[in-house]
Amino acid sequence: MFAKGWGNGGGAWECRRMLWNWEEEMIGECRLLLVNVVLQDNIPDQWKWTLDTSGIYSVQSAYDMLTSDDNNLVNEVSDMIWHIHVPLKVSLLAWRLLRNRLPTKVNLMARGMLAQNANLRVAGCGEAETIHHLFVSCAIFSALWHQVRAWIGVSGADLIDVSNHFL
């Protein structure tokens, strides 16, 4: 990658075939992860374990990460998404929702599919169309979620996070 050009528009990012949208998104995510990486020809590569301050892998640090409270929510949601009784199209929708990969106006603009000056407002409420707005904070759509909860017999308060709303 260093020899072909690491920067934006460099040959390292060229592919032999046309990519699917989700593949282009993954390459975009990879570019964002690597934006601060500086490749140097004269310094050898090395691995660094970021879950430990020493930079060295330990079973204890991996165990701590897997058993932390932060990861339990991810596991609980993941088990629900990919459950055998959930239709695949529903699982994919939920997976895309929780990773902010649904084609909202803000996401489409970020991917260059809508013009920068496009109207990002939705439902006449004056807010930009984002995942959080559609599923959590919009006053117009919150009435819809209240009706859905009543329809399936679930009561509860509106939540402020998409993951908790999903659960």
C-alpha atoms as a PDB file:
ATOM      1  CA  MET A   1       0.000   0.000   0.000  1.00  0.00           C
ATOM      2  CA  PHE A   2       2.877   2.332   0.745  1.00  0.00           C
ATOM      3  CA  ALA A   3       4.347   1.892  -2.727  1.00  0.00           C
ATOM      4  CA  LYS A   4       0.987   2.351  -4.519  1.00  0.00           C
ATOM      5  CA  GLY A   5      -0.022   5.483  -2.654  1.00  0.00           C
ATOM      6  CA  TRP A   6      -1.571   5.515   0.776  1.00  0.00           C
ATOM      7  CA  GLY A   7      -3.318   8.906   0.654  1.00  0.00           C
ATOM      8  CA  ASN A   8      -6.727   9.812  -0.716  1.00  0.00           C
ATOM      9  CA  GLY A   9      -6.986   8.821  -4.359  1.00  0.00           C
ATOM     10  CA  GLY A  10      -3.865   6.653  -4.094  1.00  0.00           C
ATOM     11  CA  GLY A  11      -3.530   3.442  -6.064  1.00  0.00           C
ATOM     12  CA  ALA A  12      -3.583   1.372  -2.866  1.00  0.00           C
ATOM     13  CA  TRP A  13      -7.359   1.854  -2.663  1.00  0.00           C
ATOM     14  CA  GLU A  14      -8.126   0.725  -6.227  1.00  0.00           C
ATOM     15  CA  CYS A  15     -10.010  -2.548  -6.659  1.00  0.00           C
ATOM     16  CA  ARG A  16     -10.168  -4.993  -9.566  1.00  0.00           C
ATOM     17  CA  ARG A  17     -13.953  -5.022  -9.676  1.00  0.00           C
ATOM     18  CA  MET A  18     -16.836  -2.712  -8.885  1.00  0.00           C
ATOM     19  CA  LEU A  19     -17.576  -2.831  -5.173  1.00  0.00           C
ATOM     20  CA  TRP A  20     -20.953  -3.241  -3.543  1.00  0.00           C
ATOM     21  CA  ASN A  21     -22.136  -0.302  -1.425  1.00  0.00           C
ATOM     22  CA  TRP A  22     -21.415  -2.138   1.816  1.00  0.00           C
ATOM     23  CA  GLU A  23     -17.877  -2.896   0.620  1.00  0.00           C
ATOM     24  CA  GLU A  24     -17.299   0.775  -0.201  1.00  0.00           C
ATOM     25  CA  GLU A  25     -18.568   1.657   3.281  1.00  0.00           C
ATOM     26  CA  MET A  26     -16.085  -0.797   4.823  1.00  0.00           C
ATOM     27  CA  ILE A  27     -13.219   0.706   2.813  1.00  0.00           C
ATOM     28  CA  GLY A  28     -14.344   4.151   3.981  1.00  0.00           C
ATOM     29  CA  GLU A  29     -14.294   2.936   7.582  1.00  0.00           C
ATOM     30  CA  CYS A  30     -10.833   1.459   7.025  1.00  0.00           C
ATOM     31  CA  ARG A  31      -9.594   4.789   5.625  1.00  0.00           C
ATOM     32  CA  LEU A  32     -10.952   6.591   8.689  1.00  0.00           C
ATOM     33  CA  LEU A  33      -9.201   4.129  10.991  1.00  0.00           C
ATOM     34  CA  LEU A  34      -5.937   4.603   9.132  1.00  0.00           C
ATOM     35  CA  VAL A  35      -6.080   8.370   8.630  1.00  0.00           C
ATOM     36  CA  ASN A  36      -3.515   9.046  11.383  1.00  0.00           C
ATOM     37  CA  VAL A  37      -1.218   6.152  10.459  1.00  0.00           C
ATOM     38  CA  VAL A  38       2.090   7.233   9.012  1.00  0.00           C
ATOM     39  CA  LEU A  39       3.907   4.570   7.026  1.00  0.00           C
ATOM     40  CA  GLN A  40       7.678   4.706   7.238  1.00  0.00           C
ATOM     41  CA  ASP A  41       9.889   2.602   5.046  1.00  0.00           C
ATOM     42  CA  ASN A  42      12.799   2.409   7.502  1.00  0.00           C
ATOM     43  CA  ILE A  43      10.885   1.286  10.628  1.00  0.00           C
ATOM     44  CA  PRO A  44       9.745  -2.351  10.989  1.00  0.00           C
ATOM     45  CA  ASP A  45       6.075  -3.124  11.668  1.00  0.00           C
ATOM     46  CA  GLN A  46       5.041  -4.276  15.129  1.00  0.00           C
ATOM     47  CA  TRP A  47       1.926  -5.509  16.887  1.00  0.00           C
ATOM     48  CA  LYS A  48       0.548  -3.634  19.878  1.00  0.00           C
ATOM     49  CA  TRP A  49      -2.234  -4.878  22.183  1.00  0.00           C
ATOM     50  CA  THR A  50      -4.319  -1.778  22.947  1.00  0.00           C
ATOM     51  CA  LEU A  51      -6.308  -3.337  25.800  1.00  0.00           C
ATOM     52  CA  ASP A  52      -3.251  -3.278  28.063  1.00  0.00           C
ATOM     53  CA  THR A  53      -1.097  -0.262  28.900  1.00  0.00           C
ATOM     54  CA  SER A  54       2.071  -2.301  28.326  1.00  0.00           C
ATOM     55  CA  GLY A  55       1.026  -2.969  24.727  1.00  0.00           C
ATOM     56  CA  ILE A  56       1.563  -6.697  25.286  1.00  0.00           C
ATOM     57  CA  TYR A  57      -1.247  -9.251  25.014  1.00  0.00           C
ATOM     58  CA  SER A  58      -2.422 -10.933  28.178  1.00  0.00           C
ATOM     59  CA  VAL A  59      -5.249 -13.373  28.767  1.00  0.00           C
ATOM     60  CA  GLN A  60      -6.338 -11.228  31.729  1.00  0.00           C
ATOM     61  CA  SER A  61      -6.847  -8.116  29.563  1.00  0.00           C
ATOM     62  CA  ALA A  62      -8.807 -10.118  26.975  1.00  0.00           C
ATOM     63  CA  TYR A  63     -10.925 -11.687  29.727  1.00  0.00           C
ATOM     64  CA  ASP A  64     -11.571  -8.262  31.294  1.00  0.00           C
ATOM     65  CA  MET A  65     -12.738  -6.909  27.945  1.00  0.00           C
ATOM     66  CA  LEU A  66     -15.042  -9.876  27.286  1.00  0.00           C
ATOM     67  CA  THR A  67     -16.622  -9.770  30.735  1.00  0.00           C
ATOM     68  CA  SER A  68     -16.957  -5.993  31.069  1.00  0.00           C
ATOM     69  CA  ASP A  69     -20.425  -4.470  31.372  1.00  0.00           C
ATOM     70  CA  ASP A  70     -19.950  -2.513  28.125  1.00  0.00           C
ATOM     71  CA  ASN A  71     -19.685  -5.730  26.139  1.00  0.00           C
ATOM     72  CA  ASN A  72     -22.706  -7.394  27.759  1.00  0.00           C
ATOM     73  CA  LEU A  73     -25.103  -4.986  26.046  1.00  0.00           C
ATOM     74  CA  VAL A  74     -23.449  -5.716  22.686  1.00  0.00           C
ATOM     75  CA  ASN A  75     -23.741  -9.476  23.259  1.00  0.00           C
ATOM     76  CA  GLU A  76     -27.368  -9.213  24.372  1.00  0.00           C
ATOM     77  CA  VAL A  77     -28.304  -7.156  21.311  1.00  0.00           C
ATOM     78  CA  SER A  78     -26.264  -9.399  18.989  1.00  0.00           C
ATOM     79  CA  ASP A  79     -27.974 -12.544  20.307  1.00  0.00           C
ATOM     80  CA  MET A  80     -31.354 -10.947  19.644  1.00  0.00           C
ATOM     81  CA  ILE A  81     -30.450  -9.779  16.133  1.00  0.00           C
ATOM     82  CA  TRP A  82     -29.122 -13.090  14.871  1.00  0.00           C
ATOM     83  CA  HIS A  83     -31.677 -15.313  16.641  1.00  0.00           C
ATOM     84  CA  ILE A  84     -32.784 -18.322  14.573  1.00  0.00           C
ATOM     85  CA  HIS A  85     -36.464 -17.296  14.692  1.00  0.00           C
ATOM     86  CA  VAL A  86     -35.826 -13.773  13.401  1.00  0.00           C
ATOM     87  CA  PRO A  87     -36.162 -13.449   9.605  1.00  0.00           C
ATOM     88  CA  LEU A  88     -32.891 -12.579   7.882  1.00  0.00           C
ATOM     89  CA  LYS A  89     -34.199  -9.300   6.443  1.00  0.00           C
ATOM     90  CA  VAL A  90     -35.206  -8.189   9.956  1.00  0.00           C
ATOM     91  CA  SER A  91     -31.788  -9.175  11.325  1.00  0.00           C
ATOM     92  CA  LEU A  92     -30.047  -7.200   8.584  1.00  0.00           C
ATOM     93  CA  LEU A  93     -32.222  -4.153   9.226  1.00  0.00           C
ATOM     94  CA  ALA A  94     -31.482  -4.294  12.965  1.00  0.00           C
ATOM     95  CA  TRP A  95     -27.760  -4.830  12.348  1.00  0.00           C
ATOM     96  CA  ARG A  96     -27.646  -1.824  10.004  1.00  0.00           C
ATOM     97  CA  LEU A  97     -29.700   0.255  12.450  1.00  0.00           C
ATOM     98  CA  LEU A  98     -27.394  -0.373  15.399  1.00  0.00           C
ATOM     99  CA  ARG A  99     -24.301   0.409  13.295  1.00  0.00           C
ATOM    100  CA  ASN A 100     -25.804   3.577  11.786  1.00  0.00           C
ATOM    101  CA  ARG A 101     -25.777   2.076   8.287  1.00  0.00           C
ATOM    102  CA  LEU A 102     -29.363   2.791   7.243  1.00  0.00           C
ATOM    103  CA  PRO A 103     -29.803   5.111   4.234  1.00  0.00           C
ATOM    104  CA  THR A 104     -30.885   8.205   6.154  1.00  0.00           C
ATOM    105  CA  LYS A 105     -30.473  11.554   4.441  1.00  0.00           C
ATOM    106  CA  VAL A 106     -27.464  12.424   6.609  1.00  0.00           C
ATOM    107  CA  ASN A 107     -25.762   9.084   5.795  1.00  0.00           C
ATOM    108  CA  LEU A 108     -26.525   9.458   2.069  1.00  0.00           C
ATOM    109  CA  MET A 109     -25.018  12.935   2.077  1.00  0.00           C
ATOM    110  CA  ALA A 110     -21.919  11.677   3.894  1.00  0.00           C
ATOM    111  CA  ARG A 111     -21.463   9.022   1.193  1.00  0.00           C
ATOM    112  CA  GLY A 112     -21.830  11.572  -1.597  1.00  0.00           C
ATOM    113  CA  MET A 113     -25.209  10.260  -2.785  1.00  0.00           C
ATOM    114  CA  LEU A 114     -27.016  13.501  -1.915  1.00  0.00           C
ATOM    115  CA  ALA A 115     -25.758  16.968  -2.709  1.00  0.00           C
ATOM    116  CA  GLN A 116     -24.171  18.943   0.132  1.00  0.00           C
ATOM    117  CA  ASN A 117     -26.970  21.509  -0.135  1.00  0.00           C
ATOM    118  CA  ALA A 118     -29.767  18.891  -0.091  1.00  0.00           C
ATOM    119  CA  ASN A 119     -32.665  19.304   2.314  1.00  0.00           C
ATOM    120  CA  LEU A 120     -31.904  16.952   5.202  1.00  0.00           C
ATOM    121  CA  ARG A 121     -35.133  17.697   7.074  1.00  0.00           C
ATOM    122  CA  VAL A 122     -37.809  15.057   7.547  1.00  0.00           C
ATOM    123  CA  ALA A 123     -41.517  15.026   8.445  1.00  0.00           C
ATOM    124  CA  GLY A 124     -41.759  18.810   8.701  1.00  0.00           C
ATOM    125  CA  CYS A 125     -40.238  18.861  12.176  1.00  0.00           C
ATOM    126  CA  GLY A 126     -37.154  20.826  11.138  1.00  0.00           C
ATOM    127  CA  GLU A 127     -34.558  18.276  12.280  1.00  0.00           C
ATOM    128  CA  ALA A 128     -32.007  16.472  10.103  1.00  0.00           C
ATOM    129  CA  GLU A 129     -32.890  12.867   9.219  1.00  0.00           C
ATOM    130  CA  THR A 130     -30.554  10.711  11.319  1.00  0.00           C
ATOM    131  CA  ILE A 131     -31.022   7.287  12.894  1.00  0.00           C
ATOM    132  CA  HIS A 132     -31.257   8.842  16.350  1.00  0.00           C
ATOM    133  CA  HIS A 133     -33.844  11.355  15.188  1.00  0.00           C
ATOM    134  CA  LEU A 134     -36.028   8.822  13.377  1.00  0.00           C
ATOM    135  CA  PHE A 135     -36.015   6.178  16.090  1.00  0.00           C
ATOM    136  CA  VAL A 136     -35.599   8.165  19.310  1.00  0.00           C
ATOM    137  CA  SER A 137     -35.920  11.952  19.388  1.00  0.00           C
ATOM    138  CA  CYS A 138     -38.506  13.017  16.762  1.00  0.00           C
ATOM    139  CA  ALA A 139     -41.813  14.134  18.283  1.00  0.00           C
ATOM    140  CA  ILE A 140     -43.728  13.051  15.181  1.00  0.00           C
ATOM    141  CA  PHE A 141     -42.235   9.557  14.996  1.00  0.00           C
ATOM    142  CA  SER A 142     -42.343   9.015  18.768  1.00  0.00           C
ATOM    143  CA  ALA A 143     -46.138   8.850  18.473  1.00  0.00           C
ATOM    144  CA  LEU A 144     -45.664   6.012  15.983  1.00  0.00           C
ATOM    145  CA  TRP A 145     -43.371   4.145  18.393  1.00  0.00           C
ATOM    146  CA  HIS A 146     -45.949   4.619  21.160  1.00  0.00           C
ATOM    147  CA  GLN A 147     -48.578   2.975  18.909  1.00  0.00           C
ATOM    148  CA  VAL A 148     -46.198   0.115  18.002  1.00  0.00           C
ATOM    149  CA  ARG A 149     -45.521  -0.547  21.692  1.00  0.00           C
ATOM    150  CA  ALA A 150     -49.262  -0.546  22.414  1.00  0.00           C
ATOM    151  CA  TRP A 151     -49.877  -2.891  19.473  1.00  0.00           C
ATOM    152  CA  ILE A 152     -47.353  -5.477  20.713  1.00  0.00           C
ATOM    153  CA  GLY A 153     -48.384  -5.003  24.359  1.00  0.00           C
ATOM    154  CA  VAL A 154     -45.190  -3.413  25.679  1.00  0.00           C
ATOM    155  CA  SER A 155     -45.302  -0.399  27.955  1.00  0.00           C
ATOM    156  CA  GLY A 156     -42.387   1.779  28.858  1.00  0.00           C
ATOM    157  CA  ALA A 157     -40.782   5.164  28.681  1.00  0.00           C
ATOM    158  CA  ASP A 158     -39.089   6.525  25.590  1.00  0.00           C
ATOM    159  CA  LEU A 159     -35.359   5.951  25.706  1.00  0.00           C
ATOM    160  CA  ILE A 160     -32.523   8.240  24.675  1.00  0.00           C
ATOM    161  CA  ASP A 161     -30.294   5.649  22.990  1.00  0.00           C
ATOM    162  CA  VAL A 162     -30.917   3.582  19.828  1.00  0.00           C
ATOM    163  CA  SER A 163     -29.480   0.387  21.394  1.00  0.00           C
ATOM    164  CA  ASN A 164     -31.712   0.659  24.435  1.00  0.00           C
ATOM    165  CA  HIS A 165     -34.671   1.533  22.220  1.00  0.00           C
ATOM    166  CA  PHE A 166     -33.959  -1.640  20.223  1.00  0.00           C
ATOM    167  CA  LEU A 167     -33.798  -3.775  23.392  1.00  0.00           C
END
